[in-house]
PDB file of N, CA and C in Angstrom:
ATOM      1  N   UNK A   1     -17.609  56.101 -24.077  1.00  0.00           N
ATOM      2  CA  UNK A   1     -16.383  56.863 -23.958  1.00  0.00           C
ATOM      3  C   UNK A   1     -16.498  58.098 -24.850  1.00  0.00           C
ATOM      4  N   UNK A   2     -16.197  59.254 -24.332  1.00  0.00           N
ATOM      5  CA  UNK A   2     -16.297  60.500 -25.068  1.00  0.00           C
ATOM      6  C   UNK A   2     -14.901  61.064 -25.293  1.00  0.00           C
ATOM      7  N   UNK A   3     -14.434  61.016 -26.525  1.00  0.00           N
ATOM      8  CA  UNK A   3     -13.115  61.546 -26.857  1.00  0.00           C
ATOM      9  C   UNK A   3     -13.278  62.895 -27.527  1.00  0.00           C
ATOM     10  N   UNK A   4     -12.475  63.845 -27.100  1.00  0.00           N
ATOM     11  CA  UNK A   4     -12.488  65.148 -27.746  1.00  0.00           C
ATOM     12  C   UNK A   4     -11.684  65.055 -29.030  1.00  0.00           C
ATOM     13  N   UNK A   5     -12.242  65.566 -30.096  1.00  0.00           N
ATOM     14  CA  UNK A   5     -11.592  65.499 -31.394  1.00  0.00           C
ATOM     15  C   UNK A   5     -11.043  66.881 -31.754  1.00  0.00           C
ATOM     16  N   UNK A   6      -9.799  66.909 -32.212  1.00  0.00           N
ATOM     17  CA  UNK A   6      -9.198  68.154 -32.648  1.00  0.00           C
ATOM     18  C   UNK A   6      -9.594  68.421 -34.091  1.00  0.00           C
ATOM     19  N   UNK A   7     -10.099  69.614 -34.328  1.00  0.00           N
ATOM     20  CA  UNK A   7     -10.495  70.010 -35.677  1.00  0.00           C
ATOM     21  C   UNK A   7      -9.444  70.949 -36.227  1.00  0.00           C
ATOM     22  N   UNK A   8      -8.985  70.680 -37.450  1.00  0.00           N
ATOM     23  CA  UNK A   8      -7.985  71.532 -38.072  1.00  0.00           C
ATOM     24  C   UNK A   8      -8.212  71.580 -39.573  1.00  0.00           C
ATOM     25  N   UNK A   9      -8.094  72.766 -40.134  1.00  0.00           N
ATOM     26  CA  UNK A   9      -8.211  72.930 -41.587  1.00  0.00           C
ATOM     27  C   UNK A   9      -7.130  72.141 -42.313  1.00  0.00           C
ATOM     28  N   UNK A  10      -6.049  71.850 -41.651  1.00  0.00           N
ATOM     29  CA  UNK A  10      -4.965  71.094 -42.269  1.00  0.00           C
ATOM     30  C   UNK A  10      -5.390  69.669 -42.613  1.00  0.00           C
ATOM     31  N   UNK A  11      -6.425  69.152 -41.951  1.00  0.00           N
ATOM     32  CA  UNK A  11      -6.887  67.785 -42.215  1.00  0.00           C
ATOM     33  C   UNK A  11      -7.392  67.613 -43.640  1.00  0.00           C
ATOM     34  N   UNK A  12      -7.762  68.694 -44.295  1.00  0.00           N
ATOM     35  CA  UNK A  12      -8.253  68.625 -45.678  1.00  0.00           C
ATOM     36  C   UNK A  12      -7.121  68.538 -46.692  1.00  0.00           C
ATOM     37  N   UNK A  13      -5.890  68.630 -46.235  1.00  0.00           N
ATOM     38  CA  UNK A  13      -4.744  68.600 -47.141  1.00  0.00           C
ATOM     39  C   UNK A  13      -4.360  70.011 -47.573  1.00  0.00           C
ATOM     40  N   UNK A  14      -3.441  70.074 -48.519  1.00  0.00           N
ATOM     41  CA  UNK A  14      -2.931  71.359 -48.989  1.00  0.00           C
ATOM     42  C   UNK A  14      -2.972  71.423 -50.510  1.00  0.00           C
ATOM     43  N   UNK A  15      -2.789  72.623 -51.029  1.00  0.00           N
ATOM     44  CA  UNK A  15      -2.571  72.804 -52.461  1.00  0.00           C
ATOM     45  C   UNK A  15      -1.621  73.976 -52.646  1.00  0.00           C
ATOM     46  N   UNK A  16      -1.054  74.057 -53.826  1.00  0.00           N
ATOM     47  CA  UNK A  16      -0.048  75.068 -54.120  1.00  0.00           C
ATOM     48  C   UNK A  16      -0.608  76.087 -55.094  1.00  0.00           C
ATOM     49  N   UNK A  17      -0.369  77.351 -54.782  1.00  0.00           N
ATOM     50  CA  UNK A  17      -0.794  78.458 -55.627  1.00  0.00           C
ATOM     51  C   UNK A  17       0.454  79.050 -56.286  1.00  0.00           C
ATOM     52  N   UNK A  18       0.426  79.182 -57.593  1.00  0.00           N
ATOM     53  CA  UNK A  18       1.530  79.833 -58.287  1.00  0.00           C
ATOM     54  C   UNK A  18       2.849  79.098 -58.222  1.00  0.00           C
ATOM     55  N   UNK A  19       2.830  77.849 -57.865  1.00  0.00           N
ATOM     56  CA  UNK A  19       4.044  77.050 -57.881  1.00  0.00           C
ATOM     57  C   UNK A  19       4.885  77.100 -56.618  1.00  0.00           C
ATOM     58  N   UNK A  20       4.649  78.099 -55.742  1.00  0.00           N
ATOM     59  CA  UNK A  20       5.524  78.190 -54.569  1.00  0.00           C
ATOM     60  C   UNK A  20       4.816  78.580 -53.271  1.00  0.00           C
ATOM     61  N   UNK A  21       3.503  78.681 -53.299  1.00  0.00           N
ATOM     62  CA  UNK A  21       2.761  79.084 -52.111  1.00  0.00           C
ATOM     63  C   UNK A  21       1.796  77.966 -51.739  1.00  0.00           C
ATOM     64  N   UNK A  22       2.075  77.283 -50.643  1.00  0.00           N
ATOM     65  CA  UNK A  22       1.244  76.159 -50.216  1.00  0.00           C
ATOM     66  C   UNK A  22       0.341  76.597 -49.070  1.00  0.00           C
ATOM     67  N   UNK A  23      -0.953  76.291 -49.208  1.00  0.00           N
ATOM     68  CA  UNK A  23      -1.947  76.648 -48.197  1.00  0.00           C
ATOM     69  C   UNK A  23      -2.842  75.439 -47.923  1.00  0.00           C
ATOM     70  N   UNK A  24      -3.538  75.487 -46.808  1.00  0.00           N
ATOM     71  CA  UNK A  24      -4.494  74.427 -46.498  1.00  0.00           C
ATOM     72  C   UNK A  24      -5.670  74.507 -47.461  1.00  0.00           C
ATOM     73  N   UNK A  25      -6.123  73.347 -47.905  1.00  0.00           N
ATOM     74  CA  UNK A  25      -7.231  73.270 -48.859  1.00  0.00           C
ATOM     75  C   UNK A  25      -8.522  73.858 -48.275  1.00  0.00           C
ATOM     76  N   UNK A  26      -8.699  73.736 -46.988  1.00  0.00           N
ATOM     77  CA  UNK A  26      -9.881  74.305 -46.332  1.00  0.00           C
ATOM     78  C   UNK A  26      -9.573  75.754 -45.975  1.00  0.00           C
ATOM     79  N   UNK A  27     -10.137  76.662 -46.751  1.00  0.00           N
ATOM     80  CA  UNK A  27      -9.947  78.088 -46.504  1.00  0.00           C
ATOM     81  C   UNK A  27     -11.231  78.693 -45.970  1.00  0.00           C
ATOM     82  N   UNK A  28     -11.265  80.019 -45.956  1.00  0.00           N
ATOM     83  CA  UNK A  28     -12.460  80.716 -45.498  1.00  0.00           C
ATOM     84  C   UNK A  28     -12.882  81.735 -46.544  1.00  0.00           C
ATOM     85  N   UNK A  29     -14.119  81.645 -47.004  1.00  0.00           N
ATOM     86  CA  UNK A  29     -14.683  82.604 -47.943  1.00  0.00           C
ATOM     87  C   UNK A  29     -15.376  83.710 -47.162  1.00  0.00           C
ATOM     88  N   UNK A  30     -14.897  84.938 -47.306  1.00  0.00           N
ATOM     89  CA  UNK A  30     -15.319  86.042 -46.447  1.00  0.00           C
ATOM     90  C   UNK A  30     -16.547  86.804 -46.941  1.00  0.00           C
ATOM     91  N   UNK A  31     -17.236  86.298 -47.929  1.00  0.00           N
ATOM     92  CA  UNK A  31     -18.383  87.016 -48.489  1.00  0.00           C
ATOM     93  C   UNK A  31     -19.481  87.280 -47.459  1.00  0.00           C
ATOM     94  N   UNK A  32     -19.718  86.344 -46.573  1.00  0.00           N
ATOM     95  CA  UNK A  32     -20.868  86.432 -45.666  1.00  0.00           C
ATOM     96  C   UNK A  32     -20.584  87.141 -44.343  1.00  0.00           C
ATOM     97  N   UNK A  33     -19.420  87.751 -44.192  1.00  0.00           N
ATOM     98  CA  UNK A  33     -19.175  88.509 -42.957  1.00  0.00           C
ATOM     99  C   UNK A  33     -19.666  89.951 -43.099  1.00  0.00           C
ATOM    100  N   UNK A  34     -20.199  90.290 -44.258  1.00  0.00           N
ATOM    101  CA  UNK A  34     -20.700  91.637 -44.507  1.00  0.00           C
ATOM    102  C   UNK A  34     -22.191  91.705 -44.160  1.00  0.00           C
ATOM    103  N   UNK A  35     -22.815  92.819 -44.497  1.00  0.00           N
ATOM    104  CA  UNK A  35     -24.234  93.004 -44.219  1.00  0.00           C
ATOM    105  C   UNK A  35     -25.124  92.223 -45.168  1.00  0.00           C
ATOM    106  N   UNK A  36     -26.422  92.332 -44.955  1.00  0.00           N
ATOM    107  CA  UNK A  36     -27.413  91.626 -45.770  1.00  0.00           C
ATOM    108  C   UNK A  36     -27.264  92.022 -47.233  1.00  0.00           C
ATOM    109  N   UNK A  37     -27.368  91.039 -48.110  1.00  0.00           N
ATOM    110  CA  UNK A  37     -27.198  91.284 -49.538  1.00  0.00           C
ATOM    111  C   UNK A  37     -25.751  91.565 -49.915  1.00  0.00           C
ATOM    112  N   UNK A  38     -24.816  91.139 -49.035  1.00  0.00           N
ATOM    113  CA  UNK A  38     -23.376  91.372 -49.218  1.00  0.00           C
ATOM    114  C   UNK A  38     -23.122  92.876 -49.362  1.00  0.00           C
ATOM    115  N   UNK A  39     -23.811  93.658 -48.530  1.00  0.00           N
ATOM    116  CA  UNK A  39     -23.764  95.118 -48.632  1.00  0.00           C
ATOM    117  C   UNK A  39     -23.554  95.740 -47.256  1.00  0.00           C
ATOM    118  N   UNK A  40     -22.553  96.575 -47.137  1.00  0.00           N
ATOM    119  CA  UNK A  40     -22.328  97.326 -45.911  1.00  0.00           C
ATOM    120  C   UNK A  40     -21.852  96.480 -44.753  1.00  0.00           C
ATOM    121  N   UNK A  41     -21.857  97.095 -43.580  1.00  0.00           N
ATOM    122  CA  UNK A  41     -21.364  96.392 -42.397  1.00  0.00           C
ATOM    123  C   UNK A  41     -22.331  95.300 -41.937  1.00  0.00           C
ATOM    124  N   UNK A  42     -21.800  94.305 -41.235  1.00  0.00           N
ATOM    125  CA  UNK A  42     -22.655  93.227 -40.742  1.00  0.00           C
ATOM    126  C   UNK A  42     -23.562  93.704 -39.615  1.00  0.00           C
ATOM    127  N   UNK A  43     -24.661  93.021 -39.435  1.00  0.00           N
ATOM    128  CA  UNK A  43     -25.575  93.338 -38.333  1.00  0.00           C
ATOM    129  C   UNK A  43     -24.890  93.113 -36.985  1.00  0.00           C
ATOM    130  N   UNK A  44     -24.002  92.120 -36.926  1.00  0.00           N
ATOM    131  CA  UNK A  44     -23.287  91.812 -35.687  1.00  0.00           C
ATOM    132  C   UNK A  44     -21.788  91.804 -35.985  1.00  0.00           C
ATOM    133  N   UNK A  45     -21.187  92.979 -35.908  1.00  0.00           N
ATOM    134  CA  UNK A  45     -19.763  93.117 -36.226  1.00  0.00           C
ATOM    135  C   UNK A  45     -18.900  92.236 -35.330  1.00  0.00           C
ATOM    136  N   UNK A  46     -19.210  92.183 -34.047  1.00  0.00           N
ATOM    137  CA  UNK A  46     -18.419  91.365 -33.122  1.00  0.00           C
ATOM    138  C   UNK A  46     -18.412  89.898 -33.546  1.00  0.00           C
ATOM    139  N   UNK A  47     -19.543  89.399 -34.022  1.00  0.00           N
ATOM    140  CA  UNK A  47     -19.618  88.007 -34.476  1.00  0.00           C
ATOM    141  C   UNK A  47     -18.781  87.797 -35.734  1.00  0.00           C
ATOM    142  N   UNK A  48     -18.784  88.760 -36.640  1.00  0.00           N
ATOM    143  CA  UNK A  48     -17.968  88.645 -37.852  1.00  0.00           C
ATOM    144  C   UNK A  48     -16.482  88.614 -37.503  1.00  0.00           C
ATOM    145  N   UNK A  49     -16.061  89.490 -36.602  1.00  0.00           N
ATOM    146  CA  UNK A  49     -14.657  89.508 -36.182  1.00  0.00           C
ATOM    147  C   UNK A  49     -14.287  88.202 -35.478  1.00  0.00           C
ATOM    148  N   UNK A  50     -15.180  87.710 -34.630  1.00  0.00           N
ATOM    149  CA  UNK A  50     -14.927  86.452 -33.923  1.00  0.00           C
ATOM    150  C   UNK A  50     -14.847  85.276 -34.894  1.00  0.00           C
ATOM    151  N   UNK A  51     -15.674  85.301 -35.928  1.00  0.00           N
ATOM    152  CA  UNK A  51     -15.648  84.231 -36.935  1.00  0.00           C
ATOM    153  C   UNK A  51     -14.292  84.188 -37.631  1.00  0.00           C
ATOM    154  N   UNK A  52     -13.790  85.339 -38.010  1.00  0.00           N
ATOM    155  CA  UNK A  52     -12.477  85.391 -38.668  1.00  0.00           C
ATOM    156  C   UNK A  52     -11.380  84.868 -37.745  1.00  0.00           C
ATOM    157  N   UNK A  53     -11.399  85.293 -36.510  1.00  0.00           N
ATOM    158  CA  UNK A  53     -10.370  84.846 -35.551  1.00  0.00           C
ATOM    159  C   UNK A  53     -10.478  83.342 -35.293  1.00  0.00           C
ATOM    160  N   UNK A  54     -11.704  82.841 -35.230  1.00  0.00           N
ATOM    161  CA  UNK A  54     -11.892  81.404 -34.992  1.00  0.00           C
ATOM    162  C   UNK A  54     -11.405  80.578 -36.187  1.00  0.00           C
ATOM    163  N   UNK A  55     -11.615  81.088 -37.391  1.00  0.00           N
ATOM    164  CA  UNK A  55     -11.110  80.384 -38.577  1.00  0.00           C
ATOM    165  C   UNK A  55      -9.598  80.190 -38.477  1.00  0.00           C
ATOM    166  N   UNK A  56      -8.893  81.215 -38.049  1.00  0.00           N
ATOM    167  CA  UNK A  56      -7.436  81.119 -37.896  1.00  0.00           C
ATOM    168  C   UNK A  56      -7.083  80.109 -36.809  1.00  0.00           C
ATOM    169  N   UNK A  57      -7.826  80.136 -35.697  1.00  0.00           N
ATOM    170  CA  UNK A  57      -7.608  79.168 -34.615  1.00  0.00           C
ATOM    171  C   UNK A  57      -7.770  77.736 -35.101  1.00  0.00           C
ATOM    172  N   UNK A  58      -8.641  77.541 -36.093  1.00  0.00           N
ATOM    173  CA  UNK A  58      -8.890  76.199 -36.635  1.00  0.00           C
ATOM    174  C   UNK A  58      -7.900  75.824 -37.739  1.00  0.00           C
ATOM    175  N   UNK A  59      -6.898  76.654 -37.968  1.00  0.00           N
ATOM    176  CA  UNK A  59      -5.857  76.316 -38.930  1.00  0.00           C
ATOM    177  C   UNK A  59      -6.076  76.842 -40.335  1.00  0.00           C
ATOM    178  N   UNK A  60      -7.101  77.640 -40.545  1.00  0.00           N
ATOM    179  CA  UNK A  60      -7.294  78.244 -41.865  1.00  0.00           C
ATOM    180  C   UNK A  60      -6.142  79.203 -42.119  1.00  0.00           C
ATOM    181  N   UNK A  61      -5.498  79.059 -43.278  1.00  0.00           N
ATOM    182  CA  UNK A  61      -4.425  79.994 -43.619  1.00  0.00           C
ATOM    183  C   UNK A  61      -4.621  80.610 -45.007  1.00  0.00           C
ATOM    184  N   UNK A  62      -5.839  80.481 -45.542  1.00  0.00           N
ATOM    185  CA  UNK A  62      -6.211  81.126 -46.803  1.00  0.00           C
ATOM    186  C   UNK A  62      -7.597  81.744 -46.630  1.00  0.00           C
ATOM    187  N   UNK A  63      -7.670  83.056 -46.801  1.00  0.00           N
ATOM    188  CA  UNK A  63      -8.946  83.755 -46.758  1.00  0.00           C
ATOM    189  C   UNK A  63      -9.197  84.334 -48.137  1.00  0.00           C
ATOM    190  N   UNK A  64     -10.366  84.031 -48.677  1.00  0.00           N
ATOM    191  CA  UNK A  64     -10.779  84.526 -49.984  1.00  0.00           C
ATOM    192  C   UNK A  64     -11.733  85.694 -49.788  1.00  0.00           C
ATOM    193  N   UNK A  65     -11.457  86.810 -50.448  1.00  0.00           N
ATOM    194  CA  UNK A  65     -12.318  87.975 -50.358  1.00  0.00           C
ATOM    195  C   UNK A  65     -12.371  88.666 -51.712  1.00  0.00           C
ATOM    196  N   UNK A  66     -13.098  89.762 -51.790  1.00  0.00           N
ATOM    197  CA  UNK A  66     -13.183  90.548 -53.019  1.00  0.00           C
ATOM    198  C   UNK A  66     -13.567  91.974 -52.649  1.00  0.00           C
ATOM    199  N   UNK A  67     -13.159  92.917 -53.478  1.00  0.00           N
ATOM    200  CA  UNK A  67     -13.501  94.304 -53.160  1.00  0.00           C
ATOM    201  C   UNK A  67     -15.000  94.566 -53.279  1.00  0.00           C
ATOM    202  N   UNK A  68     -15.747  93.663 -53.896  1.00  0.00           N
ATOM    203  CA  UNK A  68     -17.202  93.839 -54.011  1.00  0.00           C
ATOM    204  C   UNK A  68     -17.959  93.323 -52.785  1.00  0.00           C
ATOM    205  N   UNK A  69     -17.272  92.720 -51.833  1.00  0.00           N
ATOM    206  CA  UNK A  69     -17.936  92.216 -50.626  1.00  0.00           C
ATOM    207  C   UNK A  69     -18.086  93.375 -49.641  1.00  0.00           C
ATOM    208  N   UNK A  70     -19.173  94.055 -49.742  1.00  0.00           N
ATOM    209  CA  UNK A  70     -19.434  95.140 -48.810  1.00  0.00           C
ATOM    210  C   UNK A  70     -19.920  96.426 -49.446  1.00  0.00           C
ATOM    211  N   UNK A  71     -19.409  96.943 -50.498  1.00  0.00           N
ATOM    212  CA  UNK A  71     -18.062  96.785 -51.049  1.00  0.00           C
ATOM    213  C   UNK A  71     -16.976  97.308 -50.093  1.00  0.00           C
ATOM    214  N   UNK A  72     -15.878  96.580 -50.056  1.00  0.00           N
ATOM    215  CA  UNK A  72     -14.742  96.949 -49.229  1.00  0.00           C
ATOM    216  C   UNK A  72     -14.858  96.542 -47.772  1.00  0.00           C
ATOM    217  N   UNK A  73     -16.054  96.237 -47.321  1.00  0.00           N
ATOM    218  CA  UNK A  73     -16.273  95.925 -45.910  1.00  0.00           C
ATOM    219  C   UNK A  73     -15.521  94.674 -45.485  1.00  0.00           C
ATOM    220  N   UNK A  74     -15.520  93.657 -46.323  1.00  0.00           N
ATOM    221  CA  UNK A  74     -14.874  92.393 -45.984  1.00  0.00           C
ATOM    222  C   UNK A  74     -13.395  92.605 -45.669  1.00  0.00           C
ATOM    223  N   UNK A  75     -12.700  93.334 -46.527  1.00  0.00           N
ATOM    224  CA  UNK A  75     -11.268  93.566 -46.297  1.00  0.00           C
ATOM    225  C   UNK A  75     -11.028  94.367 -45.027  1.00  0.00           C
ATOM    226  N   UNK A  76     -11.901  95.333 -44.740  1.00  0.00           N
ATOM    227  CA  UNK A  76     -11.759  96.125 -43.515  1.00  0.00           C
ATOM    228  C   UNK A  76     -11.930  95.255 -42.274  1.00  0.00           C
ATOM    229  N   UNK A  77     -12.895  94.356 -42.299  1.00  0.00           N
ATOM    230  CA  UNK A  77     -13.117  93.458 -41.165  1.00  0.00           C
ATOM    231  C   UNK A  77     -11.948  92.495 -40.990  1.00  0.00           C
ATOM    232  N   UNK A  78     -11.431  91.982 -42.090  1.00  0.00           N
ATOM    233  CA  UNK A  78     -10.283  91.068 -42.024  1.00  0.00           C
ATOM    234  C   UNK A  78      -9.107  91.775 -41.370  1.00  0.00           C
ATOM    235  N   UNK A  79      -8.823  93.001 -41.793  1.00  0.00           N
ATOM    236  CA  UNK A  79      -7.715  93.756 -41.215  1.00  0.00           C
ATOM    237  C   UNK A  79      -7.946  94.004 -39.723  1.00  0.00           C
ATOM    238  N   UNK A  80      -9.156  94.408 -39.359  1.00  0.00           N
ATOM    239  CA  UNK A  80      -9.447  94.688 -37.950  1.00  0.00           C
ATOM    240  C   UNK A  80      -9.309  93.439 -37.086  1.00  0.00           C
ATOM    241  N   UNK A  81      -9.776  92.321 -37.590  1.00  0.00           N
ATOM    242  CA  UNK A  81      -9.756  91.086 -36.798  1.00  0.00           C
ATOM    243  C   UNK A  81      -8.375  90.459 -36.701  1.00  0.00           C
ATOM    244  N   UNK A  82      -7.585  90.556 -37.766  1.00  0.00           N
ATOM    245  CA  UNK A  82      -6.396  89.715 -37.843  1.00  0.00           C
ATOM    246  C   UNK A  82      -5.053  90.442 -37.883  1.00  0.00           C
ATOM    247  N   UNK A  83      -5.053  91.750 -38.094  1.00  0.00           N
ATOM    248  CA  UNK A  83      -3.777  92.471 -38.154  1.00  0.00           C
ATOM    249  C   UNK A  83      -3.237  92.673 -36.745  1.00  0.00           C
ATOM    250  N   UNK A  84      -1.967  92.437 -36.498  1.00  0.00           N
ATOM    251  CA  UNK A  84      -0.950  91.989 -37.443  1.00  0.00           C
ATOM    252  C   UNK A  84      -1.190  90.533 -37.828  1.00  0.00           C
ATOM    253  N   UNK A  85      -1.027  90.280 -39.106  1.00  0.00           N
ATOM    254  CA  UNK A  85      -1.383  88.978 -39.660  1.00  0.00           C
ATOM    255  C   UNK A  85      -0.424  87.885 -39.202  1.00  0.00           C
ATOM    256  N   UNK A  86      -0.962  86.708 -38.887  1.00  0.00           N
ATOM    257  CA  UNK A  86      -0.098  85.594 -38.492  1.00  0.00           C
ATOM    258  C   UNK A  86       0.775  85.132 -39.653  1.00  0.00           C
ATOM    259  N   UNK A  87       1.927  84.642 -39.319  1.00  0.00           N
ATOM    260  CA  UNK A  87       2.837  84.116 -40.346  1.00  0.00           C
ATOM    261  C   UNK A  87       2.130  83.032 -41.133  1.00  0.00           C
ATOM    262  N   UNK A  88       2.281  83.064 -42.439  1.00  0.00           N
ATOM    263  CA  UNK A  88       1.710  82.039 -43.297  1.00  0.00           C
ATOM    264  C   UNK A  88       0.292  82.302 -43.752  1.00  0.00           C
ATOM    265  N   UNK A  89      -0.351  83.358 -43.261  1.00  0.00           N
ATOM    266  CA  UNK A  89      -1.715  83.664 -43.689  1.00  0.00           C
ATOM    267  C   UNK A  89      -1.691  84.301 -45.075  1.00  0.00           C
ATOM    268  N   UNK A  90      -2.540  83.788 -45.951  1.00  0.00           N
ATOM    269  CA  UNK A  90      -2.680  84.319 -47.301  1.00  0.00           C
ATOM    270  C   UNK A  90      -4.088  84.892 -47.429  1.00  0.00           C
ATOM    271  N   UNK A  91      -4.162  86.154 -47.823  1.00  0.00           N
ATOM    272  CA  UNK A  91      -5.453  86.785 -48.071  1.00  0.00           C
ATOM    273  C   UNK A  91      -5.510  87.067 -49.561  1.00  0.00           C
ATOM    274  N   UNK A  92      -6.398  86.361 -50.238  1.00  0.00           N
ATOM    275  CA  UNK A  92      -6.533  86.480 -51.689  1.00  0.00           C
ATOM    276  C   UNK A  92      -7.770  87.312 -51.993  1.00  0.00           C
ATOM    277  N   UNK A  93      -7.574  88.400 -52.713  1.00  0.00           N
ATOM    278  CA  UNK A  93      -8.706  89.224 -53.092  1.00  0.00           C
ATOM    279  C   UNK A  93      -8.825  89.221 -54.600  1.00  0.00           C
ATOM    280  N   UNK A  94     -10.011  89.478 -55.065  1.00  0.00           N
ATOM    281  CA  UNK A  94     -10.235  89.459 -56.509  1.00  0.00           C
ATOM    282  C   UNK A  94     -11.090  90.650 -56.908  1.00  0.00           C
ATOM    283  N   UNK A  95     -11.090  90.943 -58.164  1.00  0.00           N
ATOM    284  CA  UNK A  95     -11.867  92.049 -58.692  1.00  0.00           C
ATOM    285  C   UNK A  95     -12.622  91.583 -59.927  1.00  0.00           C
ATOM    286  N   UNK A  96     -13.184  92.535 -60.634  1.00  0.00           N
ATOM    287  CA  UNK A  96     -13.901  92.205 -61.854  1.00  0.00           C
ATOM    288  C   UNK A  96     -15.401  92.340 -61.723  1.00  0.00           C
ATOM    289  N   UNK A  97     -15.868  92.516 -60.487  1.00  0.00           N
ATOM    290  CA  UNK A  97     -17.300  92.673 -60.239  1.00  0.00           C
ATOM    291  C   UNK A  97     -17.523  93.879 -59.333  1.00  0.00           C
ATOM    292  N   UNK A  98     -18.618  94.570 -59.548  1.00  0.00           N
ATOM    293  CA  UNK A  98     -19.008  95.687 -58.691  1.00  0.00           C
ATOM    294  C   UNK A  98     -20.362  95.385 -58.087  1.00  0.00           C
ATOM    295  N   UNK A  99     -20.577  95.901 -56.909  1.00  0.00           N
ATOM    296  CA  UNK A  99     -21.850  95.715 -56.217  1.00  0.00           C
ATOM    297  C   UNK A  99     -22.498  97.094 -56.098  1.00  0.00           C
ATOM    298  N   UNK A 100     -23.489  97.406 -56.961  1.00  0.00           N
ATOM    299  CA  UNK A 100     -24.113  98.725 -56.929  1.00  0.00           C
ATOM    300  C   UNK A 100     -25.161  98.892 -55.826  1.00  0.00           C
ATOM    301  N   UNK A 101     -25.516  97.818 -55.164  1.00  0.00           N
ATOM    302  CA  UNK A 101     -26.497  97.884 -54.082  1.00  0.00           C
ATOM    303  C   UNK A 101     -26.684  96.513 -53.464  1.00  0.00           C
ATOM    304  N   UNK A 102     -27.443  96.419 -52.378  1.00  0.00           N
ATOM    305  CA  UNK A 102     -27.662  95.139 -51.710  1.00  0.00           C
ATOM    306  C   UNK A 102     -28.230  94.087 -52.660  1.00  0.00           C
ATOM    307  N   UNK A 103     -27.620  92.909 -52.636  1.00  0.00           N
ATOM    308  CA  UNK A 103     -28.105  91.798 -53.442  1.00  0.00           C
ATOM    309  C   UNK A 103     -27.891  91.960 -54.940  1.00  0.00           C
ATOM    310  N   UNK A 104     -27.142  92.955 -55.352  1.00  0.00           N
ATOM    311  CA  UNK A 104     -26.910  93.193 -56.783  1.00  0.00           C
ATOM    312  C   UNK A 104     -25.419  93.093 -57.077  1.00  0.00           C
ATOM    313  N   UNK A 105     -25.111  92.587 -58.257  1.00  0.00           N
ATOM    314  CA  UNK A 105     -23.715  92.505 -58.699  1.00  0.00           C
ATOM    315  C   UNK A 105     -23.682  92.644 -60.206  1.00  0.00           C
ATOM    316  N   UNK A 106     -22.625  93.245 -60.718  1.00  0.00           N
ATOM    317  CA  UNK A 106     -22.495  93.441 -62.159  1.00  0.00           C
ATOM    318  C   UNK A 106     -21.017  93.460 -62.524  1.00  0.00           C
ATOM    319  N   UNK A 107     -20.699  93.189 -63.789  1.00  0.00           N
ATOM    320  CA  UNK A 107     -19.303  93.251 -64.195  1.00  0.00           C
ATOM    321  C   UNK A 107     -18.727  94.638 -63.936  1.00  0.00           C
ATOM    322  N   UNK A 108     -17.498  94.670 -63.493  1.00  0.00           N
ATOM    323  CA  UNK A 108     -16.838  95.937 -63.187  1.00  0.00           C
ATOM    324  C   UNK A 108     -16.579  96.727 -64.456  1.00  0.00           C
ATOM    325  N   UNK A 109     -16.679  98.021 -64.323  1.00  0.00           N
ATOM    326  CA  UNK A 109     -16.356  98.894 -65.443  1.00  0.00           C
ATOM    327  C   UNK A 109     -14.861  99.118 -65.537  1.00  0.00           C
ATOM    328  N   UNK A 110     -14.158  98.921 -64.431  1.00  0.00           N
ATOM    329  CA  UNK A 110     -12.729  99.179 -64.399  1.00  0.00           C
ATOM    330  C   UNK A 110     -12.007  97.987 -63.787  1.00  0.00           C
ATOM    331  N   UNK A 111     -11.447  97.145 -64.624  1.00  0.00           N
ATOM    332  CA  UNK A 111     -10.728  95.977 -64.106  1.00  0.00           C
ATOM    333  C   UNK A 111      -9.237  96.086 -64.373  1.00  0.00           C
ATOM    334  N   UNK A 112      -8.752  97.279 -64.581  1.00  0.00           N
ATOM    335  CA  UNK A 112      -7.328  97.496 -64.809  1.00  0.00           C
ATOM    336  C   UNK A 112      -6.548  97.269 -63.507  1.00  0.00           C
ATOM    337  N   UNK A 113      -5.288  96.847 -63.599  1.00  0.00           N
ATOM    338  CA  UNK A 113      -4.476  96.640 -62.380  1.00  0.00           C
ATOM    339  C   UNK A 113      -4.427  97.875 -61.482  1.00  0.00           C
ATOM    340  N   UNK A 114      -4.446  99.059 -62.069  1.00  0.00           N
ATOM    341  CA  UNK A 114      -4.422 100.282 -61.281  1.00  0.00           C
ATOM    342  C   UNK A 114      -5.603 100.333 -60.312  1.00  0.00           C
ATOM    343  N   UNK A 115      -6.773  99.919 -60.761  1.00  0.00           N
ATOM    344  CA  UNK A 115      -7.967  99.896 -59.900  1.00  0.00           C
ATOM    345  C   UNK A 115      -7.756  98.961 -58.702  1.00  0.00           C
ATOM    346  N   UNK A 116      -7.174  97.792 -58.957  1.00  0.00           N
ATOM    347  CA  UNK A 116      -6.943  96.827 -57.882  1.00  0.00           C
ATOM    348  C   UNK A 116      -6.019  97.400 -56.821  1.00  0.00           C
ATOM    349  N   UNK A 117      -5.032  98.154 -57.223  1.00  0.00           N
ATOM    350  CA  UNK A 117      -4.108  98.748 -56.257  1.00  0.00           C
ATOM    351  C   UNK A 117      -4.768  99.880 -55.470  1.00  0.00           C
ATOM    352  N   UNK A 118      -5.777 100.518 -56.037  1.00  0.00           N
ATOM    353  CA  UNK A 118      -6.437 101.646 -55.376  1.00  0.00           C
ATOM    354  C   UNK A 118      -7.449 101.220 -54.335  1.00  0.00           C
ATOM    355  N   UNK A 119      -8.086 100.065 -54.501  1.00  0.00           N
ATOM    356  CA  UNK A 119      -9.159  99.677 -53.581  1.00  0.00           C
ATOM    357  C   UNK A 119      -8.659  98.948 -52.386  1.00  0.00           C
TER     358      UNK A 119
END
């Protein structure tokens, strides 16, 4: 007997961020939707966009990204694939690291809140 099984990120349970924001424990880390060495655009942009959309279809409601993924490429792909964003989707970005070239990362020179708002 072959039963089709429904896969959902919700099956992993939930957790709360900041005391009032509950998301599914199974999220999506967007580091690998960029180019080789986490630098520039992906070799297959259509596949990266499809991956993001499929994650949402599977119930992912938390996407983790950073301005150093690409740099900036990850956030651009997320916006292109998912905007307008579905209700309940949380996109968490972080800073503190800079990517000066493919496969390289270093502590950011500017980690002030103003920088985060600019990128």
